[in-house]
């Protein structure tokens, strides 16, 4: 069961919904339509499954770890889930025309260009160092910016700082996944921070960016935009994140990355919701 939850990307879809809910609560946005949470969760499920399905084609069978073999065994289930998720998203968008806007275009375009090859047979993820920026930007746009846009308000100083925090947080905890994939990325000719700077230096980058994700929130604590309970919640997530980053290595279990590291997203969003209720 734990493999199915991870390899069908149901868990990461739950992470996306949790982070979106946390953003809504911290930013004081009125409750978002349930349809939007559905689009976030189903969209995450669809994108990750399609990305994995296409990625398997780029690797030789000899290079597959048990993780990739499990993905291969579930490929038809994952593709079916992606198909039904896309159909439901289409229905939700059809029944909620208020979601149609230019604001949907950037994440959709980035996802398509990230997964599918361009005219030269390469995709954006194969542009050196671009992969992690695309992932962090898309997550922040969907789980942070779009909830603000749906609320119909302009961006102020506090919201920009909060989105910067989110970007740095996602960027930092994504680096360990590049450490995990350093050898398969080399096979796929994808240049990432670990493949260029080395694993230990990449851990330093990730730890520093995670600290910076907290530092950018300090003005919001001084302005009492964020309360003391949130301060300690962010400190807790920061400490846990740094500990997990320092222990990351290509030999770590997939559950370490898929459940424990990604689980930080659920913990962060969950703490924000509980504190702001």
C-alpha atoms as a PDB file:
ATOM      1  CA  UNK A   1       0.000   0.000   0.000  1.00  0.00           C
ATOM      2  CA  UNK A   2       2.778   2.422   0.882  1.00  0.00           C
ATOM      3  CA  UNK A   3       4.371   1.850  -2.530  1.00  0.00           C
ATOM      4  CA  UNK A   4       1.080   2.395  -4.370  1.00  0.00           C
ATOM      5  CA  UNK A   5       0.397   5.653  -2.540  1.00  0.00           C
ATOM      6  CA  UNK A   6       3.862   6.871  -3.490  1.00  0.00           C
ATOM      7  CA  UNK A   7       4.179   5.489  -7.011  1.00  0.00           C
ATOM      8  CA  UNK A   8       0.741   6.603  -8.159  1.00  0.00           C
ATOM      9  CA  UNK A   9       1.656  10.085  -6.846  1.00  0.00           C
ATOM     10  CA  UNK A  10      -1.414  10.255  -4.619  1.00  0.00           C
ATOM     11  CA  UNK A  11       0.802  11.353  -1.738  1.00  0.00           C
ATOM     12  CA  UNK A  12       2.369  14.299  -3.575  1.00  0.00           C
ATOM     13  CA  UNK A  13      -1.131  15.339  -4.703  1.00  0.00           C
ATOM     14  CA  UNK A  14      -2.184  15.457  -1.047  1.00  0.00           C
ATOM     15  CA  UNK A  15       0.940  17.543  -0.330  1.00  0.00           C
ATOM     16  CA  UNK A  16      -0.110  20.096  -2.967  1.00  0.00           C
ATOM     17  CA  UNK A  17      -3.614  20.403  -1.524  1.00  0.00           C
ATOM     18  CA  UNK A  18      -2.229  20.788   2.022  1.00  0.00           C
ATOM     19  CA  UNK A  19       0.173  23.538   0.964  1.00  0.00           C
ATOM     20  CA  UNK A  20      -2.594  25.374  -0.897  1.00  0.00           C
ATOM     21  CA  UNK A  21      -4.839  25.225   2.162  1.00  0.00           C
ATOM     22  CA  UNK A  22      -1.985  26.476   4.343  1.00  0.00           C
ATOM     23  CA  UNK A  23      -1.402  29.426   1.997  1.00  0.00           C
ATOM     24  CA  UNK A  24      -5.080  30.315   2.058  1.00  0.00           C
ATOM     25  CA  UNK A  25      -5.168  30.296   5.868  1.00  0.00           C
ATOM     26  CA  UNK A  26      -1.935  32.248   6.455  1.00  0.00           C
ATOM     27  CA  UNK A  27      -2.788  34.901   3.874  1.00  0.00           C
ATOM     28  CA  UNK A  28      -6.254  35.364   5.345  1.00  0.00           C
ATOM     29  CA  UNK A  29      -7.957  34.500   2.081  1.00  0.00           C
ATOM     30  CA  UNK A  30     -11.643  33.538   2.297  1.00  0.00           C
ATOM     31  CA  UNK A  31     -12.240  29.788   1.828  1.00  0.00           C
ATOM     32  CA  UNK A  32     -11.412  28.758  -1.712  1.00  0.00           C
ATOM     33  CA  UNK A  33     -13.962  26.846  -3.811  1.00  0.00           C
ATOM     34  CA  UNK A  34     -13.655  23.101  -3.324  1.00  0.00           C
ATOM     35  CA  UNK A  35     -13.288  22.826  -7.090  1.00  0.00           C
ATOM     36  CA  UNK A  36      -9.952  24.634  -6.916  1.00  0.00           C
ATOM     37  CA  UNK A  37      -8.566  22.149  -4.400  1.00  0.00           C
ATOM     38  CA  UNK A  38      -9.791  19.424  -6.725  1.00  0.00           C
ATOM     39  CA  UNK A  39      -7.950  20.979  -9.663  1.00  0.00           C
ATOM     40  CA  UNK A  40      -4.763  21.313  -7.591  1.00  0.00           C
ATOM     41  CA  UNK A  41      -4.809  17.706  -6.367  1.00  0.00           C
ATOM     42  CA  UNK A  42      -5.896  16.126  -9.644  1.00  0.00           C
ATOM     43  CA  UNK A  43      -3.571  18.351 -11.664  1.00  0.00           C
ATOM     44  CA  UNK A  44      -0.603  17.325  -9.517  1.00  0.00           C
ATOM     45  CA  UNK A  45      -1.572  13.666  -9.872  1.00  0.00           C
ATOM     46  CA  UNK A  46      -1.873  13.975 -13.642  1.00  0.00           C
ATOM     47  CA  UNK A  47       1.364  15.908 -14.194  1.00  0.00           C
ATOM     48  CA  UNK A  48       3.553  13.674 -12.026  1.00  0.00           C
ATOM     49  CA  UNK A  49       2.147  10.487 -13.563  1.00  0.00           C
ATOM     50  CA  UNK A  50       2.600  11.730 -17.132  1.00  0.00           C
ATOM     51  CA  UNK A  51       6.081  12.946 -16.354  1.00  0.00           C
ATOM     52  CA  UNK A  52       7.037   9.577 -14.910  1.00  0.00           C
ATOM     53  CA  UNK A  53       5.494   7.683 -17.840  1.00  0.00           C
ATOM     54  CA  UNK A  54       7.482   9.728 -20.341  1.00  0.00           C
ATOM     55  CA  UNK A  55      10.630   9.581 -18.209  1.00  0.00           C
ATOM     56  CA  UNK A  56      10.659   5.775 -18.223  1.00  0.00           C
ATOM     57  CA  UNK A  57      11.049   5.857 -22.003  1.00  0.00           C
ATOM     58  CA  UNK A  58      14.302   7.804 -21.630  1.00  0.00           C
ATOM     59  CA  UNK A  59      16.019   5.174 -19.457  1.00  0.00           C
ATOM     60  CA  UNK A  60      17.409   1.798 -20.458  1.00  0.00           C
ATOM     61  CA  UNK A  61      15.951  -1.158 -18.590  1.00  0.00           C
ATOM     62  CA  UNK A  62      19.437  -1.916 -17.239  1.00  0.00           C
ATOM     63  CA  UNK A  63      19.444   1.457 -15.463  1.00  0.00           C
ATOM     64  CA  UNK A  64      16.177   0.853 -13.633  1.00  0.00           C
ATOM     65  CA  UNK A  65      16.191   0.653  -9.869  1.00  0.00           C
ATOM     66  CA  UNK A  66      13.393  -1.119  -7.994  1.00  0.00           C
ATOM     67  CA  UNK A  67      11.670   2.279  -7.874  1.00  0.00           C
ATOM     68  CA  UNK A  68      11.492   2.532 -11.660  1.00  0.00           C
ATOM     69  CA  UNK A  69      10.432  -1.096 -11.973  1.00  0.00           C
ATOM     70  CA  UNK A  70       7.542  -0.366  -9.636  1.00  0.00           C
ATOM     71  CA  UNK A  71       6.561   2.656 -11.736  1.00  0.00           C
ATOM     72  CA  UNK A  72       6.691   0.451 -14.814  1.00  0.00           C
ATOM     73  CA  UNK A  73       4.402  -2.140 -13.241  1.00  0.00           C
ATOM     74  CA  UNK A  74       1.899   0.588 -12.379  1.00  0.00           C
ATOM     75  CA  UNK A  75       2.200   2.433 -15.702  1.00  0.00           C
ATOM     76  CA  UNK A  76      -1.260   1.522 -16.995  1.00  0.00           C
ATOM     77  CA  UNK A  77      -2.892   2.407 -13.679  1.00  0.00           C
ATOM     78  CA  UNK A  78      -1.022   5.709 -13.646  1.00  0.00           C
ATOM     79  CA  UNK A  79      -2.012   6.545 -17.205  1.00  0.00           C
ATOM     80  CA  UNK A  80      -5.642   5.664 -16.455  1.00  0.00           C
ATOM     81  CA  UNK A  81      -5.540   7.892 -13.371  1.00  0.00           C
ATOM     82  CA  UNK A  82      -4.089  10.698 -15.473  1.00  0.00           C
ATOM     83  CA  UNK A  83      -6.853  10.294 -18.056  1.00  0.00           C
ATOM     84  CA  UNK A  84      -9.642  10.403 -15.477  1.00  0.00           C
ATOM     85  CA  UNK A  85      -7.953  13.254 -13.598  1.00  0.00           C
ATOM     86  CA  UNK A  86      -7.752  15.289 -16.808  1.00  0.00           C
ATOM     87  CA  UNK A  87     -11.422  14.584 -17.565  1.00  0.00           C
ATOM     88  CA  UNK A  88     -12.499  15.703 -14.095  1.00  0.00           C
ATOM     89  CA  UNK A  89     -10.335  18.834 -14.306  1.00  0.00           C
ATOM     90  CA  UNK A  90     -11.960  19.650 -17.632  1.00  0.00           C
ATOM     91  CA  UNK A  91     -15.396  19.259 -16.079  1.00  0.00           C
ATOM     92  CA  UNK A  92     -14.442  21.432 -13.089  1.00  0.00           C
ATOM     93  CA  UNK A  93     -13.145  24.167 -15.368  1.00  0.00           C
ATOM     94  CA  UNK A  94     -16.265  23.934 -17.531  1.00  0.00           C
ATOM     95  CA  UNK A  95     -18.533  24.306 -14.502  1.00  0.00           C
ATOM     96  CA  UNK A  96     -16.372  27.063 -12.948  1.00  0.00           C
ATOM     97  CA  UNK A  97     -15.645  29.531 -15.768  1.00  0.00           C
ATOM     98  CA  UNK A  98     -14.371  32.024 -13.182  1.00  0.00           C
ATOM     99  CA  UNK A  99     -11.141  30.011 -13.120  1.00  0.00           C
ATOM    100  CA  UNK A 100     -10.447  30.732 -16.790  1.00  0.00           C
ATOM    101  CA  UNK A 101      -7.823  33.463 -17.007  1.00  0.00           C
ATOM    102  CA  UNK A 102      -4.333  34.281 -18.226  1.00  0.00           C
ATOM    103  CA  UNK A 103      -3.240  33.307 -14.678  1.00  0.00           C
ATOM    104  CA  UNK A 104      -3.680  29.632 -15.565  1.00  0.00           C
ATOM    105  CA  UNK A 105      -1.441  29.849 -18.610  1.00  0.00           C
ATOM    106  CA  UNK A 106       2.068  30.067 -17.023  1.00  0.00           C
ATOM    107  CA  UNK A 107       1.913  26.857 -14.920  1.00  0.00           C
ATOM    108  CA  UNK A 108       0.198  24.906 -17.712  1.00  0.00           C
ATOM    109  CA  UNK A 109       2.773  26.080 -20.266  1.00  0.00           C
ATOM    110  CA  UNK A 110       5.689  25.287 -17.953  1.00  0.00           C
ATOM    111  CA  UNK A 111       4.353  21.804 -17.248  1.00  0.00           C
ATOM    112  CA  UNK A 112       3.873  21.010 -20.941  1.00  0.00           C
ATOM    113  CA  UNK A 113       7.326  22.302 -21.875  1.00  0.00           C
ATOM    114  CA  UNK A 114       8.842  20.471 -18.888  1.00  0.00           C
ATOM    115  CA  UNK A 115       7.424  17.075 -19.850  1.00  0.00           C
ATOM    116  CA  UNK A 116       7.226  17.070 -23.639  1.00  0.00           C
ATOM    117  CA  UNK A 117      10.237  17.363 -25.943  1.00  0.00           C
ATOM    118  CA  UNK A 118      10.786  20.460 -28.051  1.00  0.00           C
ATOM    119  CA  UNK A 119      11.623  20.455 -31.744  1.00  0.00           C
ATOM    120  CA  UNK A 120      15.196  19.330 -31.068  1.00  0.00           C
ATOM    121  CA  UNK A 121      13.995  16.371 -28.992  1.00  0.00           C
ATOM    122  CA  UNK A 122      14.893  17.992 -25.666  1.00  0.00           C
ATOM    123  CA  UNK A 123      12.571  19.320 -22.979  1.00  0.00           C
ATOM    124  CA  UNK A 124      13.018  22.294 -20.641  1.00  0.00           C
ATOM    125  CA  UNK A 125      14.046  19.965 -17.808  1.00  0.00           C
ATOM    126  CA  UNK A 126      17.188  19.140 -19.795  1.00  0.00           C
ATOM    127  CA  UNK A 127      18.328  22.767 -19.893  1.00  0.00           C
ATOM    128  CA  UNK A 128      21.155  22.920 -17.312  1.00  0.00           C
ATOM    129  CA  UNK A 129      19.927  23.890 -13.810  1.00  0.00           C
ATOM    130  CA  UNK A 130      16.473  24.913 -15.104  1.00  0.00           C
ATOM    131  CA  UNK A 131      14.616  21.836 -13.838  1.00  0.00           C
ATOM    132  CA  UNK A 132      14.506  22.895 -10.198  1.00  0.00           C
ATOM    133  CA  UNK A 133      13.443  26.473 -11.010  1.00  0.00           C
ATOM    134  CA  UNK A 134      10.500  25.174 -13.035  1.00  0.00           C
ATOM    135  CA  UNK A 135       9.381  22.866 -10.224  1.00  0.00           C
ATOM    136  CA  UNK A 136       9.594  25.563  -7.532  1.00  0.00           C
ATOM    137  CA  UNK A 137       7.954  28.238  -9.697  1.00  0.00           C
ATOM    138  CA  UNK A 138       5.042  25.985 -10.682  1.00  0.00           C
ATOM    139  CA  UNK A 139       4.382  24.904  -7.098  1.00  0.00           C
ATOM    140  CA  UNK A 140       4.418  28.480  -5.829  1.00  0.00           C
ATOM    141  CA  UNK A 141       2.172  29.704  -8.635  1.00  0.00           C
ATOM    142  CA  UNK A 142      -0.453  27.018  -8.075  1.00  0.00           C
ATOM    143  CA  UNK A 143      -0.387  26.779  -4.272  1.00  0.00           C
ATOM    144  CA  UNK A 144       0.315  30.439  -3.490  1.00  0.00           C
ATOM    145  CA  UNK A 145      -0.301  32.950  -6.244  1.00  0.00           C
ATOM    146  CA  UNK A 146      -3.491  31.534  -7.761  1.00  0.00           C
ATOM    147  CA  UNK A 147      -5.344  31.502  -4.408  1.00  0.00           C
ATOM    148  CA  UNK A 148      -4.533  35.230  -4.125  1.00  0.00           C
ATOM    149  CA  UNK A 149      -5.682  35.814  -7.697  1.00  0.00           C
ATOM    150  CA  UNK A 150      -8.930  33.883  -7.155  1.00  0.00           C
ATOM    151  CA  UNK A 151      -9.643  36.134  -4.192  1.00  0.00           C
ATOM    152  CA  UNK A 152      -9.489  39.089  -6.570  1.00  0.00           C
ATOM    153  CA  UNK A 153      -6.955  41.115  -4.633  1.00  0.00           C
ATOM    154  CA  UNK A 154      -3.706  42.696  -5.749  1.00  0.00           C
ATOM    155  CA  UNK A 155      -0.356  41.643  -4.357  1.00  0.00           C
ATOM    156  CA  UNK A 156       1.062  43.623  -1.481  1.00  0.00           C
ATOM    157  CA  UNK A 157       4.473  43.592   0.205  1.00  0.00           C
ATOM    158  CA  UNK A 158       3.503  40.910   2.720  1.00  0.00           C
ATOM    159  CA  UNK A 159       2.166  38.538   0.090  1.00  0.00           C
ATOM    160  CA  UNK A 160       5.288  38.922  -2.052  1.00  0.00           C
ATOM    161  CA  UNK A 161       7.458  37.992   0.938  1.00  0.00           C
ATOM    162  CA  UNK A 162       5.265  35.001   1.693  1.00  0.00           C
ATOM    163  CA  UNK A 163       5.508  33.748  -1.900  1.00  0.00           C
ATOM    164  CA  UNK A 164       9.280  34.244  -1.781  1.00  0.00           C
ATOM    165  CA  UNK A 165       9.324  32.074   1.338  1.00  0.00           C
ATOM    166  CA  UNK A 166       7.330  29.396  -0.467  1.00  0.00           C
ATOM    167  CA  UNK A 167       9.646  29.475  -3.494  1.00  0.00           C
ATOM    168  CA  UNK A 168      12.780  29.121  -1.376  1.00  0.00           C
ATOM    169  CA  UNK A 169      11.204  26.349   0.702  1.00  0.00           C
ATOM    170  CA  UNK A 170      10.199  24.259  -2.333  1.00  0.00           C
ATOM    171  CA  UNK A 171      13.540  24.967  -4.038  1.00  0.00           C
ATOM    172  CA  UNK A 172      15.455  23.833  -0.947  1.00  0.00           C
ATOM    173  CA  UNK A 173      13.609  20.557  -0.373  1.00  0.00           C
ATOM    174  CA  UNK A 174      13.757  19.719  -4.098  1.00  0.00           C
ATOM    175  CA  UNK A 175      17.567  19.683  -4.120  1.00  0.00           C
ATOM    176  CA  UNK A 176      17.696  16.377  -2.149  1.00  0.00           C
ATOM    177  CA  UNK A 177      15.600  14.800  -4.901  1.00  0.00           C
ATOM    178  CA  UNK A 178      18.276  15.852  -7.382  1.00  0.00           C
ATOM    179  CA  UNK A 179      20.779  14.196  -5.044  1.00  0.00           C
ATOM    180  CA  UNK A 180      18.661  11.026  -5.146  1.00  0.00           C
ATOM    181  CA  UNK A 181      18.478  11.167  -8.949  1.00  0.00           C
ATOM    182  CA  UNK A 182      22.049  12.254  -9.589  1.00  0.00           C
ATOM    183  CA  UNK A 183      22.983   9.052 -11.431  1.00  0.00           C
ATOM    184  CA  UNK A 184      19.794   8.728 -13.496  1.00  0.00           C
ATOM    185  CA  UNK A 185      20.049  12.425 -14.380  1.00  0.00           C
ATOM    186  CA  UNK A 186      23.563  11.784 -15.654  1.00  0.00           C
ATOM    187  CA  UNK A 187      22.231   8.944 -17.833  1.00  0.00           C
ATOM    188  CA  UNK A 188      19.539  11.314 -19.154  1.00  0.00           C
ATOM    189  CA  UNK A 189      22.143  14.094 -19.675  1.00  0.00           C
ATOM    190  CA  UNK A 190      20.377  16.430 -17.228  1.00  0.00           C
ATOM    191  CA  UNK A 191      22.687  18.816 -15.391  1.00  0.00           C
ATOM    192  CA  UNK A 192      21.618  19.634 -11.841  1.00  0.00           C
ATOM    193  CA  UNK A 193      23.253  21.190  -8.788  1.00  0.00           C
ATOM    194  CA  UNK A 194      24.473  17.821  -7.400  1.00  0.00           C
ATOM    195  CA  UNK A 195      25.853  16.671 -10.754  1.00  0.00           C
ATOM    196  CA  UNK A 196      27.777  19.938 -11.190  1.00  0.00           C
ATOM    197  CA  UNK A 197      28.735  21.041  -7.659  1.00  0.00           C
ATOM    198  CA  UNK A 198      28.709  17.667  -5.939  1.00  0.00           C
ATOM    199  CA  UNK A 199      26.420  16.180  -3.321  1.00  0.00           C
ATOM    200  CA  UNK A 200      27.894  17.775  -0.191  1.00  0.00           C
ATOM    201  CA  UNK A 201      27.968  21.274  -1.634  1.00  0.00           C
ATOM    202  CA  UNK A 202      24.400  20.822  -2.838  1.00  0.00           C
ATOM    203  CA  UNK A 203      23.370  19.969   0.715  1.00  0.00           C
ATOM    204  CA  UNK A 204      24.940  23.260   1.807  1.00  0.00           C
ATOM    205  CA  UNK A 205      22.954  25.107  -0.865  1.00  0.00           C
ATOM    206  CA  UNK A 206      19.723  23.414   0.209  1.00  0.00           C
ATOM    207  CA  UNK A 207      20.302  24.103   3.904  1.00  0.00           C
ATOM    208  CA  UNK A 208      21.166  27.746   3.239  1.00  0.00           C
ATOM    209  CA  UNK A 209      18.094  28.286   1.066  1.00  0.00           C
ATOM    210  CA  UNK A 210      15.878  26.690   3.703  1.00  0.00           C
ATOM    211  CA  UNK A 211      17.261  29.105   6.309  1.00  0.00           C
ATOM    212  CA  UNK A 212      16.696  31.975   3.868  1.00  0.00           C
ATOM    213  CA  UNK A 213      13.089  30.851   3.412  1.00  0.00           C
ATOM    214  CA  UNK A 214      12.605  31.594   7.104  1.00  0.00           C
ATOM    215  CA  UNK A 215      14.648  34.808   7.108  1.00  0.00           C
ATOM    216  CA  UNK A 216      12.420  36.458   4.480  1.00  0.00           C
ATOM    217  CA  UNK A 217       9.454  35.989   6.850  1.00  0.00           C
ATOM    218  CA  UNK A 218      11.063  37.928   9.722  1.00  0.00           C
ATOM    219  CA  UNK A 219       9.603  41.319   8.632  1.00  0.00           C
ATOM    220  CA  UNK A 220       6.142  39.735   8.697  1.00  0.00           C
ATOM    221  CA  UNK A 221       6.653  38.658  12.313  1.00  0.00           C
ATOM    222  CA  UNK A 222       7.765  42.176  13.281  1.00  0.00           C
ATOM    223  CA  UNK A 223       4.669  43.590  11.592  1.00  0.00           C
ATOM    224  CA  UNK A 224       2.562  40.960  13.412  1.00  0.00           C
ATOM    225  CA  UNK A 225       1.265  39.755  10.046  1.00  0.00           C
ATOM    226  CA  UNK A 226       2.356  36.319  11.277  1.00  0.00           C
ATOM    227  CA  UNK A 227       1.873  35.314  14.907  1.00  0.00           C
ATOM    228  CA  UNK A 228       4.204  33.689  17.433  1.00  0.00           C
ATOM    229  CA  UNK A 229       2.705  30.229  16.960  1.00  0.00           C
ATOM    230  CA  UNK A 230       3.575  30.375  13.259  1.00  0.00           C
ATOM    231  CA  UNK A 231       7.092  31.511  14.174  1.00  0.00           C
ATOM    232  CA  UNK A 232       7.718  28.332  16.160  1.00  0.00           C
ATOM    233  CA  UNK A 233       6.002  26.190  13.539  1.00  0.00           C
ATOM    234  CA  UNK A 234       8.377  27.520  10.866  1.00  0.00           C
ATOM    235  CA  UNK A 235      11.357  26.988  13.190  1.00  0.00           C
ATOM    236  CA  UNK A 236      10.256  23.363  13.675  1.00  0.00           C
ATOM    237  CA  UNK A 237       9.935  22.758   9.934  1.00  0.00           C
ATOM    238  CA  UNK A 238      13.276  24.514   9.335  1.00  0.00           C
ATOM    239  CA  UNK A 239      15.108  22.329  11.842  1.00  0.00           C
ATOM    240  CA  UNK A 240      13.506  19.131  10.540  1.00  0.00           C
ATOM    241  CA  UNK A 241      14.232  20.133   6.953  1.00  0.00           C
ATOM    242  CA  UNK A 242      17.915  20.815   7.563  1.00  0.00           C
ATOM    243  CA  UNK A 243      18.303  17.489   9.402  1.00  0.00           C
ATOM    244  CA  UNK A 244      16.678  15.612   6.521  1.00  0.00           C
ATOM    245  CA  UNK A 245      18.717  17.454   3.885  1.00  0.00           C
ATOM    246  CA  UNK A 246      21.992  16.657   5.640  1.00  0.00           C
ATOM    247  CA  UNK A 247      21.094  12.935   5.700  1.00  0.00           C
ATOM    248  CA  UNK A 248      20.160  12.774   2.013  1.00  0.00           C
ATOM    249  CA  UNK A 249      22.143  10.532  -0.316  1.00  0.00           C
ATOM    250  CA  UNK A 250      21.552   8.564  -3.544  1.00  0.00           C
ATOM    251  CA  UNK A 251      21.491   5.349  -1.485  1.00  0.00           C
ATOM    252  CA  UNK A 252      18.617   6.467   0.726  1.00  0.00           C
ATOM    253  CA  UNK A 253      15.309   4.627   0.442  1.00  0.00           C
ATOM    254  CA  UNK A 254      12.732   6.092  -1.904  1.00  0.00           C
ATOM    255  CA  UNK A 255      10.399   6.296   1.100  1.00  0.00           C
ATOM    256  CA  UNK A 256      12.854   8.654   2.779  1.00  0.00           C
ATOM    257  CA  UNK A 257      12.406  11.137  -0.050  1.00  0.00           C
ATOM    258  CA  UNK A 258       8.842  10.400  -1.110  1.00  0.00           C
ATOM    259  CA  UNK A 259       7.233  10.264   2.319  1.00  0.00           C
ATOM    260  CA  UNK A 260       9.533  11.908   4.869  1.00  0.00           C
ATOM    261  CA  UNK A 261      11.005  14.776   2.841  1.00  0.00           C
ATOM    262  CA  UNK A 262       7.821  15.479   0.879  1.00  0.00           C
ATOM    263  CA  UNK A 263       5.964  14.969   4.138  1.00  0.00           C
ATOM    264  CA  UNK A 264       7.469  18.286   5.265  1.00  0.00           C
ATOM    265  CA  UNK A 265       5.035  19.929   2.844  1.00  0.00           C
ATOM    266  CA  UNK A 266       2.053  18.347   4.593  1.00  0.00           C
ATOM    267  CA  UNK A 267       3.503  19.202   8.000  1.00  0.00           C
ATOM    268  CA  UNK A 268       4.031  22.838   6.983  1.00  0.00           C
ATOM    269  CA  UNK A 269       0.582  23.223   5.455  1.00  0.00           C
ATOM    270  CA  UNK A 270      -1.061  21.302   8.290  1.00  0.00           C
ATOM    271  CA  UNK A 271       0.561  23.426  11.000  1.00  0.00           C
ATOM    272  CA  UNK A 272      -0.451  26.599   9.200  1.00  0.00           C
ATOM    273  CA  UNK A 273      -4.062  25.433   8.978  1.00  0.00           C
ATOM    274  CA  UNK A 274      -4.233  24.342  12.610  1.00  0.00           C
ATOM    275  CA  UNK A 275      -2.681  27.559  13.906  1.00  0.00           C
ATOM    276  CA  UNK A 276      -4.818  29.850  11.740  1.00  0.00           C
ATOM    277  CA  UNK A 277      -8.154  28.110  12.324  1.00  0.00           C
END
